[in-house]
Amino acid sequence: MADAEVKNKTESNLPKQTPVNPQLSAEAESKSVTEDRASPTSDEQITRAKQNGEKWGWRFWTIIGSLCITSLLTAIESTVTSTALPSIANTLNSRELYVWFVNSIFLSSAVVQPLFGQLADVFGRRWPCIFTVAMFALGSGIAGGANSAAMLIIGRVFQGIGLGGVNCLLDMIVCDLVPMRKRGAIMGVIFAVFSAGSSIGPFVGGVLVDRVSWRWVFYIGLPVAGAALVLLVMFLHVEYEKTTSVPQKLKRLDYTGNLLLVLAMVSILIALTYGGTLRPWSSWRTIVPLVLGFLGMVAFHVYEASGIQREPVMPPRLFKNRSSFLAFILVFLHGMILYWVIYFLPVYFQSVLLSSPTRSGVQLLPTLIIVVPFGILAGGLTTATGKYKPFLIIGFALQTLGVGLFSMLDSSSSTALWAVFQIICAAGIGMVSTTILTACQVELPESDVATSTATWGFLRSLGSIWGIAIPAAVFNNRFAELSVMIEDEALRLSLQNGAAYEKASAAFINSLPEPVRSQTIATYTGALKQVWQIAIAFSALGFLVAWGVRSVEMRKTLETDYGLKEKEGKENGGEGNKA
């Protein structure tokens, strides 16, 4: 699958007489674990050569269109629900469970992505992609009909399983159809559609909560999922290996590795969720799951590297070159900062500026809109110049500046101020969004597209989990410390143990008499200030790590077993692919 004729060029500090090909060991290992696959026929090789052409036919663009519509599922989840969560938490009286409305979907999304990477290699891209959209629809229906916090969390888990597959499979399919040098532009098209949906998401979420019902925050995903299913069934016809029987294919899956990963992630997240809120950080109930979780992660990586599993779900070879290793760290940090911003700016708008959910959604638009042009710009320039490292450095620099400026916001901040601060941070987020996958894959062979994309998706989702859990813990702890300034003891006690987030709404705060209302707003402001100060450290770390990523020449050709499916007897308008 990897193009043996293409050799990546590293920076000039490497000895010239040494053949620079960091893919050799990875390619050899990839060949050894896939020897049971049928060897490509000469017709398949011809197909691959055609797919390296400059033009794409109508079938290519129908697939890209289908992927664009499917990407709206992620847009809906990541933005429509963010402004509605405080109201949902209050309606269902969730108290400390509110964080699981977010963490459940990110946990389930993260842990299934490596598995979907394997499923895509074993069963192809088409049916796993269709399955994930169906799972999202099922979860949306359950969450929309929830009458308790537990039922809502179950629905969110199903949504997360669907989104986990969607997030990695969309990019995986693009990698199968487009050479690396040209991927930035095509991913920019999908990103533009995703961001368009994201830009109206908070507004739609706020309107649904204010004017209809919070349940429609979830029901709105059903027609989008239905449209995506129809398009994928009609147009997503790509190649995959069909000669191996289903039992043989199932034997290739890494069941032990996936189980270790799930158990470790659940254990860590339990500790992060309740540490410092319901339980002190020094409590054995916090320490034990945290230690078990980290030990589980160590056991997972030891097992993956042991050679016991013939095809590990997260092969160690992905991290053996410096650029890929550092790029995967950046993926984690980028996912963290993105959701740190998306989920805690609405808290500022609603608890400090006293905005309604609808207005809060509108106030978040600078972040969501500005991401689009900068993401498209970075993707296009990466395609045109072959350079991706500068956008990582500039992107994290802007993110660091942006979250630092957020710490200056208070109840007297002007519209211009918080809008400009968002624009700065969003520009950095956009630049990294469309270039980071390239940095992860540029020194890996094409045969690792599925596993590297799935690992990229897993680390991004893992970062999202920490990007919710860490600021939530910081916010709750700091709010508890500052709540002494609230004179009303009954109110002060009612805002402990996670209840401060639940009650972060204009309706609640406006119901308080003075001077208690001003004291409560000041407490929210102080807690949020520390949330943003902690964010500076993580974003600055990303800026430093980005300098260590190597600048490597991107491949201009493509070799894959999962390209457009051939149909005999028809030509695709003479544009290089059979129809």
Protein backbone atom coordinates (compact mmCIF):
# COMPACT_ATOMS: atom_id res chain seq x y z
CA MET A 1 0.00 0.00 0.00
CA ALA A 2 2.81 2.48 0.75
CA ASP A 3 4.43 4.05 -2.30
CA ALA A 4 7.88 2.50 -2.29
CA GLU A 5 9.20 5.02 -4.81
CA VAL A 6 8.55 8.05 -2.64
CA LYS A 7 11.14 8.86 0.00
CA ASN A 8 10.54 11.57 2.58
CA LYS A 9 13.23 14.19 2.89
CA THR A 10 14.10 15.37 6.36
CA GLU A 11 15.90 18.48 7.47
CA SER A 12 19.46 19.10 6.37
CA ASN A 13 20.92 18.28 9.80
CA LEU A 14 20.83 14.57 8.92
CA PRO A 15 23.93 13.06 7.24
CA LYS A 16 23.56 13.24 3.48
CA GLN A 17 25.16 9.86 2.92
CA THR A 18 22.47 8.17 5.04
CA PRO A 19 19.38 7.13 3.05
CA VAL A 20 16.58 9.01 4.73
CA ASN A 21 13.52 6.80 4.76
CA PRO A 22 11.88 6.66 8.20
CA GLN A 23 9.17 4.44 6.74
CA LEU A 24 11.31 1.33 6.17
CA SER A 25 10.72 -0.41 9.48
CA ALA A 26 7.07 0.61 9.50
CA GLU A 27 6.57 -0.70 5.98
CA ALA A 28 8.23 -4.01 6.81
CA GLU A 29 6.05 -4.46 9.86
CA SER A 30 2.94 -3.46 7.94
CA LYS A 31 3.68 -6.07 5.29
CA SER A 32 4.21 -8.77 7.89
CA VAL A 33 0.86 -8.16 9.59
CA THR A 34 -1.14 -8.01 6.38
CA GLU A 35 0.31 -10.95 4.49
CA ASP A 36 -3.07 -12.73 4.58
CA ARG A 37 -4.54 -10.09 2.32
CA ALA A 38 -4.82 -10.79 -1.35
CA SER A 39 -2.07 -9.25 -3.45
CA PRO A 40 -3.31 -6.45 -5.67
CA THR A 41 -3.94 -7.45 -9.25
CA SER A 42 -2.55 -5.60 -12.21
CA ASP A 43 -5.99 -4.02 -12.74
CA GLU A 44 -5.92 -2.72 -9.19
CA GLN A 45 -2.47 -1.27 -9.75
CA ILE A 46 -3.75 0.48 -12.87
CA THR A 47 -6.64 1.86 -10.82
CA ARG A 48 -4.21 3.24 -8.27
CA ALA A 49 -2.17 4.90 -10.98
CA LYS A 50 -5.30 6.54 -12.36
CA GLN A 51 -6.22 7.87 -8.96
CA ASN A 52 -2.96 9.80 -8.89
CA GLY A 53 -4.19 11.92 -11.81
CA GLU A 54 -4.82 15.65 -11.59
CA LYS A 55 -8.58 15.40 -12.25
CA TRP A 56 -11.35 13.78 -10.27
CA GLY A 57 -14.62 12.62 -11.76
CA TRP A 58 -18.19 13.11 -10.63
CA ARG A 59 -18.12 9.98 -8.47
CA PHE A 60 -15.27 11.45 -6.47
CA TRP A 61 -17.21 14.64 -5.83
CA THR A 62 -20.40 12.80 -4.86
CA ILE A 63 -18.39 10.99 -2.19
CA ILE A 64 -16.89 14.26 -0.98
CA GLY A 65 -20.39 15.79 -0.90
CA SER A 66 -21.64 12.85 1.15
CA LEU A 67 -18.76 13.28 3.58
CA CYS A 68 -19.57 17.00 3.89
CA ILE A 69 -23.15 16.25 4.94
CA THR A 70 -21.93 13.56 7.33
CA SER A 71 -19.52 16.04 8.93
CA LEU A 72 -22.52 18.10 10.02
CA LEU A 73 -23.23 15.42 12.65
CA THR A 74 -20.04 16.42 14.44
CA ALA A 75 -20.88 20.10 13.98
CA ILE A 76 -24.28 19.59 15.58
CA GLU A 77 -22.88 17.74 18.55
CA SER A 78 -19.92 20.02 19.18
CA THR A 79 -21.86 23.30 19.12
CA VAL A 80 -25.65 22.93 19.37
CA THR A 81 -25.48 21.21 22.76
CA SER A 82 -22.77 23.41 24.30
CA THR A 83 -25.03 26.40 24.99
CA ALA A 84 -27.93 24.18 26.07
CA LEU A 85 -26.15 22.04 28.67
CA PRO A 86 -26.67 24.35 31.68
CA SER A 87 -30.42 24.40 31.02
CA ILE A 88 -30.55 20.63 30.47
CA ALA A 89 -28.59 20.01 33.67
CA ASN A 90 -31.02 22.20 35.59
CA THR A 91 -34.14 20.57 34.10
CA LEU A 92 -32.98 17.03 34.86
CA ASN A 93 -31.60 18.06 38.27
CA SER A 94 -28.33 16.35 37.39
CA ARG A 95 -26.08 18.19 39.87
CA GLU A 96 -22.61 16.63 39.70
CA LEU A 97 -23.67 14.32 36.87
CA TYR A 98 -23.74 17.26 34.44
CA VAL A 99 -20.10 16.69 33.49
CA TRP A 100 -21.04 13.19 32.24
CA PHE A 101 -23.37 14.77 29.66
CA VAL A 102 -20.14 15.85 28.00
CA ASN A 103 -17.63 13.26 29.19
CA SER A 104 -19.80 10.26 28.24
CA ILE A 105 -19.85 11.22 24.57
CA PHE A 106 -16.17 12.05 24.44
CA LEU A 107 -15.19 8.92 26.34
CA SER A 108 -17.19 6.62 24.07
CA SER A 109 -16.02 8.55 21.01
CA ALA A 110 -12.38 8.26 22.00
CA VAL A 111 -12.21 4.59 22.93
CA VAL A 112 -13.94 3.30 19.78
CA GLN A 113 -11.81 5.17 17.24
CA PRO A 114 -8.82 2.79 17.34
CA LEU A 115 -11.29 -0.09 16.94
CA PHE A 116 -12.91 1.58 13.93
CA GLY A 117 -9.45 1.99 12.44
CA GLN A 118 -9.05 -1.78 12.53
CA LEU A 119 -12.62 -2.41 11.33
CA ALA A 120 -11.99 -0.12 8.35
CA ASP A 121 -8.88 -2.09 7.41
CA VAL A 122 -10.68 -5.42 7.80
CA PHE A 123 -14.15 -4.67 6.39
CA GLY A 124 -13.41 -1.62 4.26
CA ARG A 125 -14.60 1.96 4.74
CA ARG A 126 -18.21 1.82 3.44
CA TRP A 127 -20.15 -0.29 5.97
CA PRO A 128 -18.33 0.89 9.11
CA CYS A 129 -19.10 4.48 8.04
CA ILE A 130 -22.78 3.72 7.47
CA PHE A 131 -22.95 1.90 10.82
CA THR A 132 -21.50 4.85 12.73
CA VAL A 133 -24.08 7.28 11.32
CA ALA A 134 -26.87 4.88 12.31
CA MET A 135 -25.47 4.68 15.85
CA PHE A 136 -25.44 8.46 16.11
CA ALA A 137 -29.09 8.59 15.05
CA LEU A 138 -30.02 5.99 17.67
CA GLY A 139 -28.22 7.93 20.39
CA SER A 140 -29.88 11.20 19.34
CA GLY A 141 -33.31 9.61 19.70
CA ILE A 142 -32.52 8.20 23.15
CA ALA A 143 -31.03 11.48 24.42
CA GLY A 144 -33.93 13.53 23.06
CA GLY A 145 -36.45 11.32 24.82
CA ALA A 146 -34.53 11.16 28.11
CA ASN A 147 -36.49 11.73 31.32
CA SER A 148 -33.50 11.31 33.64
CA ALA A 149 -29.81 12.13 33.72
CA ALA A 150 -28.93 8.43 33.44
CA MET A 151 -31.01 7.96 30.27
CA LEU A 152 -29.48 11.07 28.72
CA ILE A 153 -25.98 9.75 29.45
CA ILE A 154 -26.85 6.42 27.78
CA GLY A 155 -28.02 8.27 24.69
CA ARG A 156 -24.84 10.31 24.68
CA VAL A 157 -22.76 7.12 24.80
CA PHE A 158 -24.45 5.86 21.62
CA GLN A 159 -23.94 9.26 20.02
CA GLY A 160 -20.29 9.06 20.99
CA ILE A 161 -19.83 5.64 19.39
CA GLY A 162 -21.28 7.04 16.18
CA LEU A 163 -19.22 10.22 16.27
CA GLY A 164 -16.04 8.30 17.05
CA GLY A 165 -16.42 6.35 13.84
CA VAL A 166 -17.49 9.37 11.80
CA ASN A 167 -14.59 11.51 12.99
CA CYS A 168 -11.87 9.10 11.92
CA LEU A 169 -13.55 7.50 8.89
CA LEU A 170 -14.25 10.78 7.08
CA ASP A 171 -10.60 11.77 7.11
CA MET A 172 -9.54 8.19 6.41
CA ILE A 173 -11.64 8.12 3.22
CA VAL A 174 -10.15 11.42 2.06
CA CYS A 175 -6.65 10.00 2.67
CA ASP A 176 -7.61 6.98 0.52
CA LEU A 177 -8.82 9.15 -2.37
CA VAL A 178 -6.39 12.09 -2.40
CA PRO A 179 -2.56 12.23 -2.40
CA MET A 180 -1.07 13.81 0.72
CA ARG A 181 0.10 16.98 -1.03
CA LYS A 182 -3.48 17.71 -2.19
CA ARG A 183 -5.38 16.65 0.92
CA GLY A 184 -5.28 20.05 2.59
CA ALA A 185 -7.49 21.62 -0.07
CA ILE A 186 -10.05 18.78 -0.07
CA MET A 187 -10.16 18.63 3.71
CA GLY A 188 -10.65 22.39 3.64
CA VAL A 189 -13.86 21.88 1.63
CA ILE A 190 -15.23 19.43 4.22
CA PHE A 191 -14.02 21.66 7.03
CA ALA A 192 -15.86 24.62 5.50
CA VAL A 193 -19.16 22.74 5.53
CA PHE A 194 -18.51 21.49 9.06
CA SER A 195 -17.69 24.99 10.25
CA ALA A 196 -20.75 26.47 8.55
CA GLY A 197 -22.85 24.05 10.58
CA SER A 198 -20.83 24.87 13.68
CA SER A 199 -21.29 28.61 13.23
CA ILE A 200 -25.06 28.40 13.45
CA GLY A 201 -25.04 25.55 15.99
CA PRO A 202 -24.89 27.58 19.22
CA PHE A 203 -27.56 29.96 17.95
CA VAL A 204 -29.83 27.06 16.98
CA GLY A 205 -29.20 25.38 20.33
CA GLY A 206 -30.06 28.54 22.22
CA VAL A 207 -33.23 29.13 20.21
CA LEU A 208 -34.39 25.55 20.72
CA VAL A 209 -33.90 25.82 24.48
CA ASP A 210 -35.59 29.23 24.72
CA ARG A 211 -38.45 28.76 22.27
CA VAL A 212 -39.14 25.03 21.89
CA SER A 213 -37.50 22.42 24.12
CA TRP A 214 -34.01 21.28 24.95
CA ARG A 215 -35.01 17.86 23.55
CA TRP A 216 -34.79 19.27 20.03
CA VAL A 217 -31.11 19.91 20.62
CA PHE A 218 -30.79 16.14 20.11
CA TYR A 219 -33.72 15.49 17.77
CA ILE A 220 -32.26 17.92 15.22
CA GLY A 221 -29.55 15.35 14.51
CA LEU A 222 -32.06 12.80 13.20
CA PRO A 223 -32.85 14.39 9.80
CA VAL A 224 -29.17 15.15 9.24
CA ALA A 225 -28.24 11.55 10.03
CA GLY A 226 -31.02 10.34 7.71
CA ALA A 227 -29.73 12.45 4.82
CA ALA A 228 -26.17 11.29 5.46
CA LEU A 229 -27.24 7.63 5.45
CA VAL A 230 -29.02 7.98 2.11
CA LEU A 231 -26.03 9.68 0.48
CA LEU A 232 -23.49 7.21 1.87
CA VAL A 233 -25.51 4.20 0.73
CA MET A 234 -25.90 5.71 -2.74
CA PHE A 235 -22.42 7.03 -3.39
CA LEU A 236 -19.79 5.64 -1.00
CA HIS A 237 -18.53 2.77 -3.15
CA VAL A 238 -14.84 2.15 -2.47
CA GLU A 239 -12.58 -0.87 -2.79
CA TYR A 240 -11.71 -3.31 -0.02
CA GLU A 241 -10.35 -6.84 0.30
CA LYS A 242 -13.22 -9.34 -0.08
CA THR A 243 -11.53 -12.74 -0.35
CA THR A 244 -11.08 -13.40 3.38
CA SER A 245 -14.00 -14.92 5.28
CA VAL A 246 -15.72 -12.98 8.08
CA PRO A 247 -14.42 -15.30 10.87
CA GLN A 248 -10.87 -14.83 9.59
CA LYS A 249 -11.36 -11.07 9.52
CA LEU A 250 -12.70 -11.03 13.07
CA LYS A 251 -9.61 -12.89 14.26
CA ARG A 252 -7.48 -9.93 13.18
CA LEU A 253 -9.12 -7.55 15.68
CA ASP A 254 -7.24 -6.61 18.84
CA TYR A 255 -9.84 -7.47 21.48
CA THR A 256 -7.47 -7.43 24.46
CA GLY A 257 -5.92 -4.11 23.49
CA ASN A 258 -9.32 -2.47 23.03
CA LEU A 259 -10.56 -3.79 26.39
CA LEU A 260 -7.49 -2.51 28.24
CA LEU A 261 -7.91 0.89 26.61
CA VAL A 262 -11.60 1.19 27.53
CA LEU A 263 -11.08 0.16 31.17
CA ALA A 264 -8.13 2.51 31.60
CA MET A 265 -9.99 5.47 30.10
CA VAL A 266 -13.11 4.92 32.21
CA SER A 267 -11.04 4.66 35.39
CA ILE A 268 -9.10 7.86 34.69
CA LEU A 269 -12.22 9.80 33.80
CA ILE A 270 -14.04 8.75 36.99
CA ALA A 271 -11.14 10.15 39.02
CA LEU A 272 -10.99 13.39 37.04
CA THR A 273 -14.73 13.92 37.20
CA TYR A 274 -15.19 13.60 40.94
CA GLY A 275 -11.77 14.62 42.26
CA GLY A 276 -12.00 17.94 44.07
CA THR A 277 -15.79 18.07 43.90
CA LEU A 278 -17.64 15.16 45.53
CA ARG A 279 -14.39 13.69 46.81
CA PRO A 280 -11.11 15.32 47.88
CA TRP A 281 -8.09 14.70 45.66
CA SER A 282 -6.49 13.00 48.66
CA SER A 283 -9.37 10.51 49.01
CA TRP A 284 -8.66 6.87 48.18
CA ARG A 285 -11.79 6.95 46.02
CA THR A 286 -10.02 9.47 43.79
CA ILE A 287 -6.48 8.11 43.97
CA VAL A 288 -7.31 4.44 43.37
CA PRO A 289 -9.18 4.85 40.03
CA LEU A 290 -6.59 7.39 38.86
CA VAL A 291 -3.68 5.05 39.59
CA LEU A 292 -5.53 2.07 38.11
CA GLY A 293 -6.27 4.08 35.00
CA PHE A 294 -2.66 5.08 34.43
CA LEU A 295 -1.48 1.54 35.13
CA GLY A 296 -4.05 0.35 32.61
CA MET A 297 -2.64 2.74 29.99
CA VAL A 298 0.86 1.42 30.69
CA ALA A 299 -0.41 -2.16 30.39
CA PHE A 300 -2.12 -1.26 27.11
CA HIS A 301 1.05 0.11 25.53
CA VAL A 302 3.16 -2.78 26.87
CA TYR A 303 0.71 -5.25 25.36
CA GLU A 304 0.66 -3.40 22.03
CA ALA A 305 4.48 -3.50 21.89
CA SER A 306 4.82 -7.11 23.08
CA GLY A 307 4.11 -8.73 19.72
CA ILE A 308 1.44 -10.97 21.22
CA GLN A 309 -1.19 -9.30 19.06
CA ARG A 310 -0.38 -9.73 15.37
CA GLU A 311 -2.21 -6.54 14.37
CA PRO A 312 -2.26 -4.18 17.39
CA VAL A 313 -4.98 -1.56 17.45
CA MET A 314 -2.39 1.17 18.11
CA PRO A 315 0.91 -0.14 16.71
CA PRO A 316 4.06 1.26 18.38
CA ARG A 317 5.60 1.98 14.96
CA LEU A 318 3.34 5.06 14.71
CA PHE A 319 5.37 6.77 17.44
CA LYS A 320 8.88 5.71 16.43
CA ASN A 321 9.76 8.80 14.42
CA ARG A 322 10.06 12.19 16.08
CA SER A 323 7.67 14.13 13.88
CA SER A 324 4.75 11.75 14.21
CA PHE A 325 5.30 11.41 17.96
CA LEU A 326 5.33 15.18 18.52
CA ALA A 327 2.43 15.71 16.11
CA PHE A 328 0.30 13.25 18.06
CA ILE A 329 1.05 15.26 21.22
CA LEU A 330 -0.14 18.39 19.40
CA VAL A 331 -3.35 16.60 18.39
CA PHE A 332 -4.08 15.94 22.07
CA LEU A 333 -3.36 19.53 23.10
CA HIS A 334 -5.36 20.99 20.21
CA GLY A 335 -8.41 18.90 21.10
CA MET A 336 -8.06 20.04 24.70
CA ILE A 337 -7.90 23.77 23.93
CA LEU A 338 -10.71 23.61 21.36
CA TYR A 339 -13.27 22.19 23.77
CA TRP A 340 -11.91 24.19 26.70
CA VAL A 341 -12.96 27.29 24.75
CA ILE A 342 -16.24 25.99 23.32
CA TYR A 343 -17.61 24.78 26.64
CA PHE A 344 -16.44 27.50 29.02
CA LEU A 345 -16.99 30.69 27.02
CA PRO A 346 -20.78 30.06 27.26
CA VAL A 347 -20.38 29.83 31.05
CA TYR A 348 -18.85 33.32 30.99
CA PHE A 349 -21.58 34.70 28.76
CA GLN A 350 -24.44 33.27 30.80
CA SER A 351 -23.12 33.64 34.36
CA VAL A 352 -21.13 36.89 34.10
CA LEU A 353 -22.66 38.83 31.20
CA LEU A 354 -26.09 37.36 32.07
CA SER A 355 -26.93 36.36 28.51
CA SER A 356 -29.74 33.98 27.59
CA PRO A 357 -28.83 30.65 25.94
CA THR A 358 -29.81 32.14 22.56
CA ARG A 359 -27.67 35.23 23.00
CA SER A 360 -24.84 33.10 24.37
CA GLY A 361 -24.89 31.14 21.13
CA VAL A 362 -24.64 34.35 19.13
CA GLN A 363 -21.79 35.60 21.32
CA LEU A 364 -19.81 32.43 20.55
CA LEU A 365 -20.06 33.04 16.79
CA PRO A 366 -16.71 34.88 16.48
CA THR A 367 -14.95 31.68 17.55
CA LEU A 368 -16.92 29.39 15.28
CA ILE A 369 -16.97 31.63 12.21
CA ILE A 370 -13.32 32.71 12.24
CA VAL A 371 -12.12 29.10 12.45
CA VAL A 372 -13.44 28.55 8.90
CA PRO A 373 -11.38 30.96 6.77
CA PHE A 374 -8.18 30.31 8.71
CA GLY A 375 -8.66 26.56 8.45
CA ILE A 376 -9.29 26.79 4.71
CA LEU A 377 -6.37 29.20 4.29
CA ALA A 378 -3.94 26.92 6.13
CA GLY A 379 -5.14 23.84 4.22
CA GLY A 380 -4.86 25.61 0.87
CA LEU A 381 -1.42 27.01 1.58
CA THR A 382 -0.23 23.61 2.76
CA THR A 383 -1.33 22.15 -0.58
CA ALA A 384 0.25 25.02 -2.54
CA THR A 385 3.56 25.23 -0.69
CA GLY A 386 4.00 21.77 0.82
CA LYS A 387 4.67 23.44 4.20
CA TYR A 388 2.69 22.56 7.31
CA LYS A 389 5.04 23.29 10.26
CA PRO A 390 4.66 27.13 10.17
CA PHE A 391 0.88 26.83 10.60
CA LEU A 392 1.33 24.63 13.68
CA ILE A 393 3.68 27.14 15.30
CA ILE A 394 1.59 30.22 14.46
CA GLY A 395 -1.62 28.40 15.37
CA PHE A 396 -0.53 27.48 18.88
CA ALA A 397 0.99 30.93 19.41
CA LEU A 398 -2.38 32.54 18.65
CA GLN A 399 -4.23 30.04 20.85
CA THR A 400 -1.91 30.82 23.75
CA LEU A 401 -2.44 34.54 23.30
CA GLY A 402 -6.20 34.09 22.98
CA VAL A 403 -6.78 32.03 26.13
CA GLY A 404 -4.51 34.41 28.02
CA LEU A 405 -6.68 37.34 26.96
CA PHE A 406 -9.82 35.45 28.06
CA SER A 407 -8.53 35.63 31.65
CA MET A 408 -9.00 39.42 31.51
CA LEU A 409 -12.75 39.23 30.84
CA ASP A 410 -15.21 40.32 33.52
CA SER A 411 -18.72 41.74 33.83
CA SER A 412 -17.64 45.12 32.44
CA SER A 413 -15.89 43.81 29.32
CA SER A 414 -17.19 45.32 26.09
CA THR A 415 -18.55 43.38 23.13
CA ALA A 416 -15.57 44.47 21.01
CA LEU A 417 -13.16 43.14 23.60
CA TRP A 418 -14.49 39.59 23.95
CA ALA A 419 -15.14 39.39 20.19
CA VAL A 420 -11.55 40.35 19.29
CA PHE A 421 -10.16 37.94 21.87
CA GLN A 422 -12.21 35.14 20.31
CA ILE A 423 -11.00 36.02 16.80
CA ILE A 424 -7.36 35.71 17.89
CA CYS A 425 -7.86 32.32 19.51
CA ALA A 426 -10.10 31.00 16.73
CA ALA A 427 -7.56 31.90 14.04
CA GLY A 428 -5.02 29.69 15.79
CA ILE A 429 -7.48 26.84 16.22
CA GLY A 430 -8.37 26.95 12.52
CA MET A 431 -4.76 26.89 11.35
CA VAL A 432 -3.97 23.77 13.33
CA SER A 433 -7.24 21.98 12.48
CA THR A 434 -6.45 21.40 8.80
CA THR A 435 -2.70 20.77 9.05
CA ILE A 436 -2.19 18.54 12.07
CA LEU A 437 -3.20 15.24 10.41
CA THR A 438 -0.64 15.84 7.67
CA ALA A 439 2.06 16.32 10.30
CA CYS A 440 1.07 13.01 11.90
CA GLN A 441 1.18 11.03 8.64
CA VAL A 442 3.92 12.63 6.58
CA GLU A 443 6.65 10.24 7.79
CA LEU A 444 4.38 7.18 7.87
CA PRO A 445 3.63 4.88 4.90
CA GLU A 446 0.24 4.86 3.16
CA SER A 447 -0.36 1.41 4.65
CA ASP A 448 -0.76 3.10 8.03
CA VAL A 449 -3.53 5.48 6.92
CA ALA A 450 -6.25 3.70 8.91
CA THR A 451 -4.30 3.18 12.13
CA SER A 452 -2.71 6.65 12.10
CA THR A 453 -6.02 8.37 11.36
CA ALA A 454 -7.75 6.37 14.10
CA THR A 455 -4.95 7.22 16.56
CA TRP A 456 -5.19 10.87 15.55
CA GLY A 457 -8.94 10.76 16.20
CA PHE A 458 -8.48 8.96 19.52
CA LEU A 459 -5.95 11.49 20.79
CA ARG A 460 -8.10 14.40 19.64
CA SER A 461 -11.08 12.96 21.53
CA LEU A 462 -8.88 12.18 24.52
CA GLY A 463 -7.80 15.81 24.51
CA SER A 464 -11.44 16.85 24.37
CA ILE A 465 -12.17 14.78 27.47
CA TRP A 466 -9.36 16.43 29.40
CA GLY A 467 -10.40 19.77 27.91
CA ILE A 468 -13.72 19.38 29.73
CA ALA A 469 -12.67 17.49 32.88
CA ILE A 470 -9.68 19.68 33.81
CA PRO A 471 -11.38 23.08 33.51
CA ALA A 472 -14.49 21.67 35.22
CA ALA A 473 -12.35 20.55 38.18
CA VAL A 474 -10.51 23.89 38.24
CA PHE A 475 -13.77 25.82 37.99
CA ASN A 476 -15.49 23.86 40.78
CA ASN A 477 -12.49 24.03 43.13
CA ARG A 478 -11.89 27.73 42.56
CA PHE A 479 -15.58 28.57 42.87
CA ALA A 480 -15.69 26.77 46.23
CA GLU A 481 -12.68 28.77 47.41
CA LEU A 482 -14.11 32.13 46.30
CA SER A 483 -17.67 31.48 47.42
CA VAL A 484 -16.84 32.83 50.88
CA MET A 485 -17.57 36.28 49.44
CA ILE A 486 -21.25 35.28 49.04
CA GLU A 487 -23.02 36.44 52.20
CA ASP A 488 -26.05 34.16 51.84
CA GLU A 489 -24.91 30.91 53.47
CA ALA A 490 -27.79 28.84 52.07
CA LEU A 491 -27.02 30.04 48.54
CA ARG A 492 -23.31 29.42 49.04
CA LEU A 493 -23.92 25.83 50.09
CA SER A 494 -26.34 25.25 47.19
CA LEU A 495 -23.59 26.17 44.71
CA GLN A 496 -21.09 23.58 45.92
CA ASN A 497 -20.23 20.16 44.43
CA GLY A 498 -20.69 21.11 40.79
CA ALA A 499 -23.95 23.00 41.22
CA ALA A 500 -22.31 26.30 40.21
CA TYR A 501 -22.06 25.15 36.59
CA GLU A 502 -25.61 23.83 36.64
CA LYS A 503 -26.93 27.21 37.81
CA ALA A 504 -24.76 29.28 35.44
CA SER A 505 -27.71 31.01 33.80
CA ALA A 506 -29.04 34.55 33.62
CA ALA A 507 -32.46 33.44 34.85
CA PHE A 508 -31.02 32.08 38.10
CA ILE A 509 -28.59 34.91 38.81
CA ASN A 510 -31.12 37.63 37.99
CA SER A 511 -33.46 36.07 40.54
CA LEU A 512 -30.99 36.89 43.33
CA PRO A 513 -31.33 40.13 45.29
CA GLU A 514 -28.49 42.60 45.65
CA PRO A 515 -25.79 42.51 46.95
CA VAL A 516 -25.84 38.71 46.68
CA ARG A 517 -26.21 38.85 42.90
CA SER A 518 -23.07 40.95 42.46
CA GLN A 519 -21.17 38.71 44.86
CA THR A 520 -22.21 35.63 42.89
CA ILE A 521 -21.16 37.19 39.58
CA ALA A 522 -17.79 38.12 41.09
CA THR A 523 -17.34 34.53 42.24
CA TYR A 524 -18.08 33.20 38.75
CA THR A 525 -15.66 35.74 37.27
CA GLY A 526 -12.85 34.72 39.60
CA ALA A 527 -13.38 31.01 39.00
CA LEU A 528 -13.34 31.48 35.22
CA LYS A 529 -10.20 33.60 35.41
CA GLN A 530 -8.28 30.65 36.84
CA VAL A 531 -9.79 28.33 34.24
CA TRP A 532 -8.21 30.44 31.48
CA GLN A 533 -4.91 30.84 33.32
CA ILE A 534 -4.50 27.07 33.48
CA ALA A 535 -5.33 26.87 29.75
CA ILE A 536 -2.34 29.10 28.98
CA ALA A 537 0.07 26.43 30.22
CA PHE A 538 -1.31 23.69 27.95
CA SER A 539 -1.46 25.91 24.87
CA ALA A 540 2.07 27.24 25.47
CA LEU A 541 3.28 23.64 25.69
CA GLY A 542 1.80 23.05 22.24
CA PHE A 543 3.68 26.07 20.90
CA LEU A 544 6.98 24.67 22.18
CA VAL A 545 6.32 21.15 20.91
CA ALA A 546 5.42 22.45 17.41
CA TRP A 547 9.00 23.66 16.93
CA GLY A 548 10.23 20.07 17.23
CA VAL A 549 8.16 18.75 14.30
CA ARG A 550 10.32 18.15 11.21
CA SER A 551 9.55 19.71 7.85
CA VAL A 552 9.27 16.80 5.41
CA GLU A 553 8.35 16.74 1.73
CA MET A 554 4.80 15.50 1.24
CA ARG A 555 3.97 12.70 -1.19
CA LYS A 556 2.40 13.78 -4.48
CA THR A 557 1.23 10.31 -5.52
CA LEU A 558 -1.18 7.83 -3.98
CA GLU A 559 -1.21 4.09 -3.58
CA THR A 560 -4.14 2.50 -1.77
CA ASP A 561 -6.28 -0.64 -1.62
CA TYR A 562 -9.35 1.45 -0.72
CA GLY A 563 -9.77 3.80 -3.69
CA LEU A 564 -12.85 4.35 -5.83
CA LYS A 565 -14.59 1.11 -6.71
CA GLU A 566 -14.27 0.10 -10.35
CA LYS A 567 -17.40 -0.54 -12.41
CA GLU A 568 -16.79 -2.45 -15.58
CA GLY A 569 -17.77 -1.08 -18.94
CA LYS A 570 -18.21 2.55 -17.90
CA GLU A 571 -15.79 5.41 -18.02
CA ASN A 572 -16.02 8.40 -15.78
CA GLY A 573 -16.17 11.08 -18.44
CA GLY A 574 -12.56 10.43 -19.40
CA GLU A 575 -11.36 12.07 -16.20
CA GLY A 576 -9.11 9.36 -15.01
CA ASN A 577 -11.38 7.09 -12.98
CA LYS A 578 -13.75 4.42 -14.17
CA ALA A 579 -17.35 4.97 -13.22
